[in-house]
Amino acid sequence: MPIEDELGKVLQDTGGTFTADRRALVEGGMARGRRRVARRRAGTVTGSALGVALLTTGAVYLTATGGSPADTASRTPVPSGAYGHFEITAEEIGNILENGMNRTGIGVDRPQVESRGSTGPADPATASIVFEDGFGEAKVTLSVTRVDPSDAEVRRLLVCPDKKGSPYEECTNQPGDRAVKGYTEAGKAGGVHKWDVTTLSPNGYLIEVGTQNVQVSGAQSPVGRNPRMNPGKLRHLAMFVDGSLARDGEPNAFGAVEPGTDPEPSDMLPALKYLLPERLDVYSEGASGAEGHVVLSDRTGDLTYVEAVRMSSDFTGGEVLPDGTKVVTRQLPGREPGVVELRVDVLRVNGMGISVGAYNAPSPKSAKRGAKPMVTMEELRAIALSRTWLVAR
């Protein structure tokens, strides 16, 4: 079984170990809303896509050789326009890293987190965590920079260098704007093994995660084993980070909640509401376990029912994205005359599935209340594919 598939099973088994409480979601949403209003009044342009991400190559190497993750940003062009905002506190980026580590399927004991926030796109947010992984001390680092994903200079960071003179013993370019790099400094530090994963988010984040098998306290000596955070686990950590960052350059309350927060029965409803297009008004809402739903109103009498449901069964057909994610879109007749059902099913390589549906009616069994659903198939697809679902329980 490939390592990423094996990791996916672990993630699926442990997916219920973390979620955000409702107070954190509400407070986070209110704070984000106030900042949005302030920026709009000041004429600041904000983003308009749904969240994604994965990580880098340079931050860990630079740190190990005396530099810092901030040095990575010096080679990254400063974005403008839709990607010209990035604001996150040190506490929030630190919480994202610690919560992500708690979802990787390895034990994280006695974590020590150091972090630094960001107040602008030229300013990377960084965090590191030192912990006991059952075999000694380990360290994982994170760096997030706001970028324009179409910039040629940014995209070069995902290209493996020429083998001649490369610091990496291994380097692969992978689907989904991701590069995985590994190297051993046998001649420099007596067998230190390192891994870096770099991913570029369509939402404009360059996320860098890395690890190494170094005893981080004392003499900084190698521990004589490969890091337990292998490339597959680093990849999923990066996906968690991506899901924890909003499309407008700020954290969302799901990933940045304080580690250890008491869980709610389900995050499906808050996640669905978080991902709805801003033009829509919620008329009513409800949730039960692995399902959340809302009824939308356009203030003219039309109503649309939208639901999001966890699923784990595989399916055939449809579209397969470069990262292996399966997507099926369908338009079906509803139970009552004139009712239309729009449905998008998404199944990720880690086994986590989301089914999102919309009806031009106040419930799947009701008579129609509008010519068509108020959300389009494209909007449903964006909701279903959002990595926010990887952060919510």
Protein backbone atom coordinates (compact mmCIF):
# COMPACT_ATOMS: atom_id res chain seq x y z
CA MET A 1 0.00 0.00 0.00
CA PRO A 2 1.48 3.45 -0.95
CA ILE A 3 2.51 5.49 2.05
CA GLU A 4 -0.03 8.23 1.31
CA ASP A 5 -2.86 5.68 1.12
CA GLU A 6 -1.70 4.16 4.38
CA LEU A 7 -1.62 7.61 5.94
CA GLY A 8 -5.08 8.28 4.60
CA LYS A 9 -6.47 5.32 6.47
CA VAL A 10 -4.89 6.60 9.67
CA LEU A 11 -6.36 10.04 9.08
CA GLN A 12 -9.76 8.50 8.46
CA ASP A 13 -9.54 6.52 11.71
CA THR A 14 -8.46 9.54 13.73
CA GLY A 15 -10.55 12.18 11.98
CA GLY A 16 -12.84 12.63 14.97
CA THR A 17 -10.14 13.60 17.42
CA PHE A 18 -10.30 17.32 16.77
CA THR A 19 -12.90 19.95 16.03
CA ALA A 20 -13.66 23.54 16.86
CA ASP A 21 -16.15 24.64 19.49
CA ARG A 22 -19.03 26.88 18.51
CA ARG A 23 -17.79 29.83 20.55
CA ALA A 24 -14.46 29.78 18.74
CA LEU A 25 -16.25 29.57 15.38
CA VAL A 26 -18.53 32.50 16.20
CA GLU A 27 -15.79 34.66 17.69
CA GLY A 28 -13.47 33.89 14.81
CA GLY A 29 -16.16 34.69 12.25
CA MET A 30 -17.06 37.96 13.98
CA ALA A 31 -13.43 39.05 14.20
CA ARG A 32 -12.88 38.18 10.56
CA GLY A 33 -16.02 40.08 9.59
CA ARG A 34 -14.90 43.20 11.44
CA ARG A 35 -11.54 43.11 9.71
CA ARG A 36 -13.23 42.68 6.34
CA VAL A 37 -15.43 45.73 6.91
CA ALA A 38 -12.44 47.80 7.98
CA ARG A 39 -10.46 46.78 4.90
CA ARG A 40 -13.34 47.47 2.54
CA ARG A 41 -13.80 50.92 4.02
CA ALA A 42 -10.12 51.54 3.45
CA GLY A 43 -10.43 50.37 -0.13
CA THR A 44 -8.36 47.24 0.34
CA VAL A 45 -8.89 44.54 -2.27
CA THR A 46 -9.47 41.06 -0.89
CA GLY A 47 -9.41 37.61 -2.42
CA SER A 48 -12.30 35.68 -3.97
CA ALA A 49 -11.40 31.98 -4.30
CA LEU A 50 -11.89 28.96 -2.03
CA GLY A 51 -8.99 27.68 0.11
CA VAL A 52 -6.26 25.12 -0.71
CA ALA A 53 -2.47 24.58 -0.04
CA LEU A 54 0.71 22.62 0.48
CA LEU A 55 4.34 23.31 1.21
CA THR A 56 7.98 24.16 0.58
CA THR A 57 11.54 23.22 0.28
CA GLY A 58 13.77 25.97 1.55
CA ALA A 59 12.69 26.92 5.07
CA VAL A 60 14.02 23.87 6.91
CA TYR A 61 17.27 23.82 4.95
CA LEU A 62 17.84 27.51 5.57
CA THR A 63 17.08 27.15 9.26
CA ALA A 64 19.46 24.22 9.59
CA THR A 65 22.25 26.19 7.95
CA GLY A 66 21.85 29.33 10.02
CA GLY A 67 19.13 31.16 8.11
CA SER A 68 15.44 31.52 8.90
CA PRO A 69 12.14 30.79 7.14
CA ALA A 70 11.89 34.51 6.45
CA ASP A 71 14.82 34.12 4.06
CA THR A 72 12.55 32.07 1.80
CA ALA A 73 10.28 35.07 1.29
CA SER A 74 13.18 37.14 -0.03
CA ARG A 75 13.10 35.02 -3.19
CA THR A 76 9.31 35.26 -3.51
CA PRO A 77 7.72 38.20 -5.40
CA VAL A 78 5.34 40.33 -3.33
CA PRO A 79 1.78 39.79 -4.63
CA SER A 80 -0.79 42.50 -5.19
CA GLY A 81 -4.47 42.75 -5.99
CA ALA A 82 -6.45 39.69 -4.95
CA TYR A 83 -3.46 38.23 -3.11
CA GLY A 84 -2.26 41.44 -1.50
CA HIS A 85 -3.50 40.70 2.02
CA PHE A 86 -2.13 38.33 4.66
CA GLU A 87 -2.85 38.78 8.36
CA ILE A 88 -2.40 36.09 10.99
CA THR A 89 -1.20 36.21 14.60
CA ALA A 90 1.62 34.15 16.08
CA GLU A 91 -0.89 32.29 18.24
CA GLU A 92 -3.07 31.40 15.25
CA ILE A 93 -0.26 30.02 13.06
CA GLY A 94 1.10 28.11 16.07
CA ASN A 95 -2.33 26.60 16.76
CA ILE A 96 -2.66 25.59 13.11
CA LEU A 97 0.63 23.71 13.20
CA GLU A 98 -0.13 21.97 16.52
CA ASN A 99 -3.66 21.01 15.47
CA GLY A 100 -2.35 19.73 12.15
CA MET A 101 0.24 17.60 13.90
CA ASN A 102 -2.50 16.11 16.07
CA ARG A 103 -4.21 14.92 12.86
CA THR A 104 -1.21 13.24 11.21
CA GLY A 105 -1.61 9.88 12.92
CA ILE A 106 1.55 9.97 15.04
CA GLY A 107 1.81 10.64 18.75
CA VAL A 108 2.76 14.21 19.67
CA ASP A 109 3.86 14.31 23.28
CA ARG A 110 4.96 17.39 25.25
CA PRO A 111 4.81 19.81 22.30
CA GLN A 112 6.83 23.01 22.43
CA VAL A 113 5.62 25.53 19.84
CA GLU A 114 7.35 28.70 18.68
CA SER A 115 5.67 30.95 16.13
CA ARG A 116 5.65 34.33 14.44
CA GLY A 117 2.65 35.94 12.77
CA SER A 118 2.31 38.09 9.65
CA THR A 119 0.79 41.47 8.87
CA GLY A 120 1.38 41.55 5.12
CA PRO A 121 2.05 39.44 2.00
CA ALA A 122 5.79 40.12 2.10
CA ASP A 123 5.93 38.86 5.68
CA PRO A 124 5.89 35.03 6.07
CA ALA A 125 4.14 33.44 9.02
CA THR A 126 6.30 30.75 10.61
CA ALA A 127 5.97 28.12 13.32
CA SER A 128 7.94 25.18 14.64
CA ILE A 129 7.06 22.36 17.02
CA VAL A 130 9.42 20.20 19.05
CA PHE A 131 7.84 17.06 20.49
CA GLU A 132 8.39 13.49 21.62
CA ASP A 133 7.34 11.08 18.88
CA GLY A 134 7.87 7.85 20.82
CA PHE A 135 11.47 7.42 19.67
CA GLY A 136 12.98 10.65 20.91
CA GLU A 137 12.72 14.32 20.06
CA ALA A 138 11.55 15.49 16.65
CA LYS A 139 11.02 18.86 15.03
CA VAL A 140 8.64 20.04 12.31
CA THR A 141 8.70 23.53 10.80
CA LEU A 142 6.10 25.51 8.88
CA SER A 143 6.30 28.64 6.77
CA VAL A 144 3.39 30.28 4.92
CA THR A 145 3.82 33.11 2.43
CA ARG A 146 1.10 34.90 0.46
CA VAL A 147 1.84 34.73 -3.28
CA ASP A 148 0.29 35.11 -6.71
CA PRO A 149 -0.02 31.48 -7.90
CA SER A 150 0.35 32.53 -11.55
CA ASP A 151 3.69 34.27 -11.01
CA ALA A 152 6.47 32.55 -12.96
CA GLU A 153 9.05 33.15 -10.23
CA VAL A 154 6.78 31.52 -7.66
CA ARG A 155 6.12 28.50 -9.86
CA ARG A 156 9.87 27.94 -10.25
CA LEU A 157 10.00 27.07 -6.56
CA LEU A 158 8.09 23.88 -7.41
CA VAL A 159 10.65 22.72 -9.98
CA CYS A 160 13.36 20.32 -8.89
CA PRO A 161 16.86 21.70 -9.52
CA ASP A 162 19.40 20.02 -11.79
CA LYS A 163 20.94 16.98 -10.14
CA LYS A 164 24.40 18.41 -10.61
CA GLY A 165 25.08 20.65 -7.64
CA SER A 166 21.66 19.99 -6.08
CA PRO A 167 21.55 19.74 -2.27
CA TYR A 168 18.85 17.06 -2.59
CA GLU A 169 19.46 13.35 -2.93
CA GLU A 170 15.84 12.92 -4.00
CA CYS A 171 13.44 15.35 -5.63
CA THR A 172 10.13 14.71 -7.37
CA ASN A 173 7.61 17.06 -8.93
CA GLN A 174 4.14 15.75 -8.09
CA PRO A 175 0.59 16.55 -9.23
CA GLY A 176 -1.24 19.38 -7.53
CA ASP A 177 1.58 21.96 -7.69
CA ARG A 178 3.68 20.04 -5.21
CA ALA A 179 7.37 19.17 -4.92
CA VAL A 180 8.89 16.66 -2.49
CA LYS A 181 12.59 16.92 -1.67
CA GLY A 182 14.79 14.82 0.59
CA TYR A 183 18.47 14.88 1.35
CA THR A 184 21.14 13.52 3.64
CA GLU A 185 24.01 15.65 4.87
CA ALA A 186 26.16 12.62 5.63
CA GLY A 187 29.39 14.49 5.07
CA LYS A 188 28.28 17.58 6.96
CA ALA A 189 26.37 16.39 10.01
CA GLY A 190 26.92 12.66 10.29
CA GLY A 191 23.80 11.36 8.57
CA VAL A 192 21.06 13.93 9.12
CA HIS A 193 18.01 13.01 7.06
CA LYS A 194 15.61 15.76 6.00
CA TRP A 195 12.36 16.01 4.09
CA ASP A 196 10.67 19.08 2.63
CA VAL A 197 7.30 19.33 0.91
CA THR A 198 6.35 22.38 -1.14
CA THR A 199 2.88 23.12 -2.43
CA LEU A 200 1.38 26.15 -4.14
CA SER A 201 -2.27 26.90 -3.39
CA PRO A 202 -4.63 28.26 -6.05
CA ASN A 203 -5.77 30.64 -3.28
CA GLY A 204 -2.34 32.21 -3.19
CA TYR A 205 -0.40 30.48 -0.41
CA LEU A 206 3.07 29.00 -0.61
CA ILE A 207 3.13 26.59 2.32
CA GLU A 208 6.39 25.04 3.41
CA VAL A 209 6.70 22.12 5.81
CA GLY A 210 9.77 20.14 6.70
CA THR A 211 11.26 17.76 9.23
CA GLN A 212 14.57 16.12 10.10
CA ASN A 213 15.87 13.40 12.39
CA VAL A 214 17.87 15.71 14.62
CA GLN A 215 17.93 15.63 18.39
CA VAL A 216 16.93 19.27 18.64
CA SER A 217 18.14 19.84 22.19
CA GLY A 218 21.69 19.61 23.46
CA ALA A 219 24.33 18.91 20.83
CA GLN A 220 21.91 18.79 17.85
CA SER A 221 23.14 15.29 16.98
CA PRO A 222 21.33 12.93 14.58
CA VAL A 223 19.21 10.26 16.20
CA GLY A 224 20.14 7.57 13.68
CA ARG A 225 16.73 7.01 12.09
CA ASN A 226 14.49 8.44 9.41
CA PRO A 227 12.01 11.12 10.48
CA ARG A 228 8.59 9.68 11.37
CA MET A 229 7.00 12.63 9.56
CA ASN A 230 7.63 11.15 6.11
CA PRO A 231 6.66 12.96 2.86
CA GLY A 232 3.12 11.53 2.87
CA LYS A 233 2.44 12.82 6.36
CA LEU A 234 4.01 16.18 5.55
CA ARG A 235 1.74 16.39 2.54
CA HIS A 236 -1.37 15.89 4.65
CA LEU A 237 -0.09 18.35 7.25
CA ALA A 238 0.20 20.88 4.44
CA MET A 239 -3.36 20.12 3.35
CA PHE A 240 -4.54 20.80 6.90
CA VAL A 241 -2.69 24.13 6.87
CA ASP A 242 -4.28 24.99 3.55
CA GLY A 243 -7.74 24.23 4.91
CA SER A 244 -6.99 26.45 7.91
CA LEU A 245 -6.42 29.55 5.75
CA ALA A 246 -9.30 31.55 4.28
CA ARG A 247 -9.57 32.83 0.73
CA ASP A 248 -9.15 36.44 1.90
CA GLY A 249 -5.70 36.02 3.45
CA GLU A 250 -6.73 35.30 7.04
CA PRO A 251 -7.06 32.15 9.19
CA ASN A 252 -10.41 30.49 9.72
CA ALA A 253 -11.65 29.42 13.13
CA PHE A 254 -11.61 25.69 12.33
CA GLY A 255 -7.87 25.19 12.11
CA ALA A 256 -6.72 28.06 14.33
CA VAL A 257 -8.85 27.13 17.35
CA GLU A 258 -6.92 26.59 20.58
CA PRO A 259 -5.57 23.00 20.70
CA GLY A 260 -7.54 20.77 23.04
CA THR A 261 -10.78 22.77 22.69
CA ASP A 262 -13.82 20.71 23.65
CA PRO A 263 -15.46 19.35 20.49
CA GLU A 264 -18.96 20.03 19.25
CA PRO A 265 -21.07 17.11 17.95
CA SER A 266 -20.23 18.12 14.38
CA ASP A 267 -18.52 20.86 12.43
CA MET A 268 -20.43 20.08 9.23
CA LEU A 269 -22.94 22.92 9.61
CA PRO A 270 -20.45 25.67 10.52
CA ALA A 271 -18.14 24.53 7.71
CA LEU A 272 -20.99 24.59 5.19
CA LYS A 273 -22.06 28.07 6.28
CA TYR A 274 -18.46 29.25 6.15
CA LEU A 275 -18.11 28.10 2.52
CA LEU A 276 -21.40 29.50 1.16
CA PRO A 277 -21.12 32.42 -1.29
CA GLU A 278 -21.45 35.69 0.64
CA ARG A 279 -24.42 36.87 -1.43
CA LEU A 280 -26.70 34.20 0.08
CA ASP A 281 -28.86 34.62 3.20
CA VAL A 282 -29.47 31.69 5.56
CA TYR A 283 -33.18 31.35 6.37
CA SER A 284 -32.86 28.27 8.64
CA GLU A 285 -30.28 25.62 9.47
CA GLY A 286 -29.79 22.23 11.11
CA ALA A 287 -27.27 19.42 11.68
CA SER A 288 -27.04 15.85 12.87
CA GLY A 289 -23.74 13.98 13.16
CA ALA A 290 -22.05 13.80 9.78
CA GLU A 291 -24.61 16.07 8.07
CA GLY A 292 -25.31 19.79 7.98
CA HIS A 293 -27.91 21.72 6.01
CA VAL A 294 -29.21 25.23 5.44
CA VAL A 295 -32.25 26.75 3.76
CA LEU A 296 -31.40 29.83 1.71
CA SER A 297 -33.73 32.73 0.96
CA ASP A 298 -33.52 35.46 -1.67
CA ARG A 299 -36.17 37.57 0.13
CA THR A 300 -38.66 37.11 -2.73
CA GLY A 301 -40.19 33.89 -1.45
CA ASP A 302 -37.85 31.46 -3.23
CA LEU A 303 -36.06 28.93 -1.01
CA THR A 304 -33.12 26.59 -1.64
CA TYR A 305 -32.08 23.63 0.50
CA VAL A 306 -28.32 22.92 0.62
CA GLU A 307 -26.79 19.97 2.45
CA ALA A 308 -23.29 18.61 3.08
CA VAL A 309 -22.81 14.98 4.10
CA ARG A 310 -19.73 12.94 4.97
CA MET A 311 -19.33 9.77 2.94
CA SER A 312 -16.75 6.99 2.79
CA SER A 313 -17.90 4.79 -0.10
CA ASP A 314 -15.97 4.77 -3.35
CA PHE A 315 -17.56 5.45 -6.73
CA THR A 316 -16.67 5.05 -10.39
CA GLY A 317 -16.82 7.47 -13.26
CA GLY A 318 -16.59 11.22 -13.12
CA GLU A 319 -13.40 13.26 -13.14
CA VAL A 320 -10.08 12.42 -11.51
CA LEU A 321 -8.02 15.47 -10.54
CA PRO A 322 -4.20 15.51 -10.75
CA ASP A 323 -3.88 14.77 -7.01
CA GLY A 324 -6.13 11.69 -7.31
CA THR A 325 -9.32 13.32 -5.99
CA LYS A 326 -12.46 11.95 -7.65
CA VAL A 327 -15.31 14.34 -8.56
CA VAL A 328 -18.78 13.49 -9.83
CA THR A 329 -21.34 16.18 -10.70
CA ARG A 330 -24.99 15.37 -11.37
CA GLN A 331 -28.28 17.12 -12.08
CA LEU A 332 -31.27 14.99 -11.13
CA PRO A 333 -35.04 15.41 -10.99
CA GLY A 334 -36.41 15.87 -7.48
CA ARG A 335 -39.29 14.00 -5.86
CA GLU A 336 -41.85 16.73 -6.52
CA PRO A 337 -42.72 18.22 -9.95
CA GLY A 338 -40.28 20.92 -11.07
CA VAL A 339 -37.77 20.27 -8.29
CA VAL A 340 -34.14 20.07 -9.46
CA GLU A 341 -31.34 18.46 -7.47
CA LEU A 342 -27.73 19.50 -8.09
CA ARG A 343 -25.19 17.13 -6.55
CA VAL A 344 -21.36 17.08 -6.30
CA ASP A 345 -19.56 14.09 -4.77
CA VAL A 346 -15.86 14.35 -3.89
CA LEU A 347 -13.65 11.50 -2.69
CA ARG A 348 -10.05 12.28 -1.70
CA VAL A 349 -7.14 9.86 -1.78
CA ASN A 350 -7.17 9.66 2.03
CA GLY A 351 -10.65 8.14 1.89
CA MET A 352 -12.54 11.24 3.06
CA GLY A 353 -15.62 12.02 0.99
CA ILE A 354 -18.04 14.94 0.88
CA SER A 355 -21.38 15.03 -0.91
CA VAL A 356 -22.94 18.47 -1.38
CA GLY A 357 -26.43 18.89 -2.82
CA ALA A 358 -28.87 21.70 -3.54
CA TYR A 359 -32.64 21.72 -4.27
CA ASN A 360 -34.90 24.53 -5.43
CA ALA A 361 -37.17 23.68 -2.52
CA PRO A 362 -37.10 24.12 1.29
CA SER A 363 -36.35 20.38 1.72
CA PRO A 364 -35.67 17.36 -0.53
CA LYS A 365 -39.30 16.26 -0.07
CA SER A 366 -40.98 19.67 -0.50
CA ALA A 367 -42.62 21.34 -3.47
CA LYS A 368 -40.46 23.66 -5.51
CA ARG A 369 -39.94 27.27 -4.35
CA GLY A 370 -38.07 28.77 -7.28
CA ALA A 371 -37.15 28.00 -10.86
CA LYS A 372 -33.70 26.67 -9.92
CA PRO A 373 -31.39 26.37 -6.89
CA MET A 374 -29.77 29.63 -5.77
CA VAL A 375 -26.32 28.07 -5.92
CA THR A 376 -24.78 27.00 -9.21
CA MET A 377 -23.10 23.70 -9.97
CA GLU A 378 -19.76 25.50 -10.10
CA GLU A 379 -20.32 26.94 -6.62
CA LEU A 380 -21.31 23.54 -5.25
CA ARG A 381 -18.16 22.05 -6.76
CA ALA A 382 -16.01 24.71 -5.12
CA ILE A 383 -17.68 24.03 -1.76
CA ALA A 384 -17.23 20.26 -2.04
CA LEU A 385 -13.56 20.56 -3.07
CA SER A 386 -12.62 23.02 -0.33
CA ARG A 387 -9.92 21.76 2.02
CA THR A 388 -11.85 23.26 4.90
CA TRP A 389 -13.50 19.83 5.17
CA LEU A 390 -10.10 18.38 6.08
CA VAL A 391 -10.00 20.71 9.09
CA ALA A 392 -13.57 20.25 10.32
CA ARG A 393 -14.59 17.00 11.99
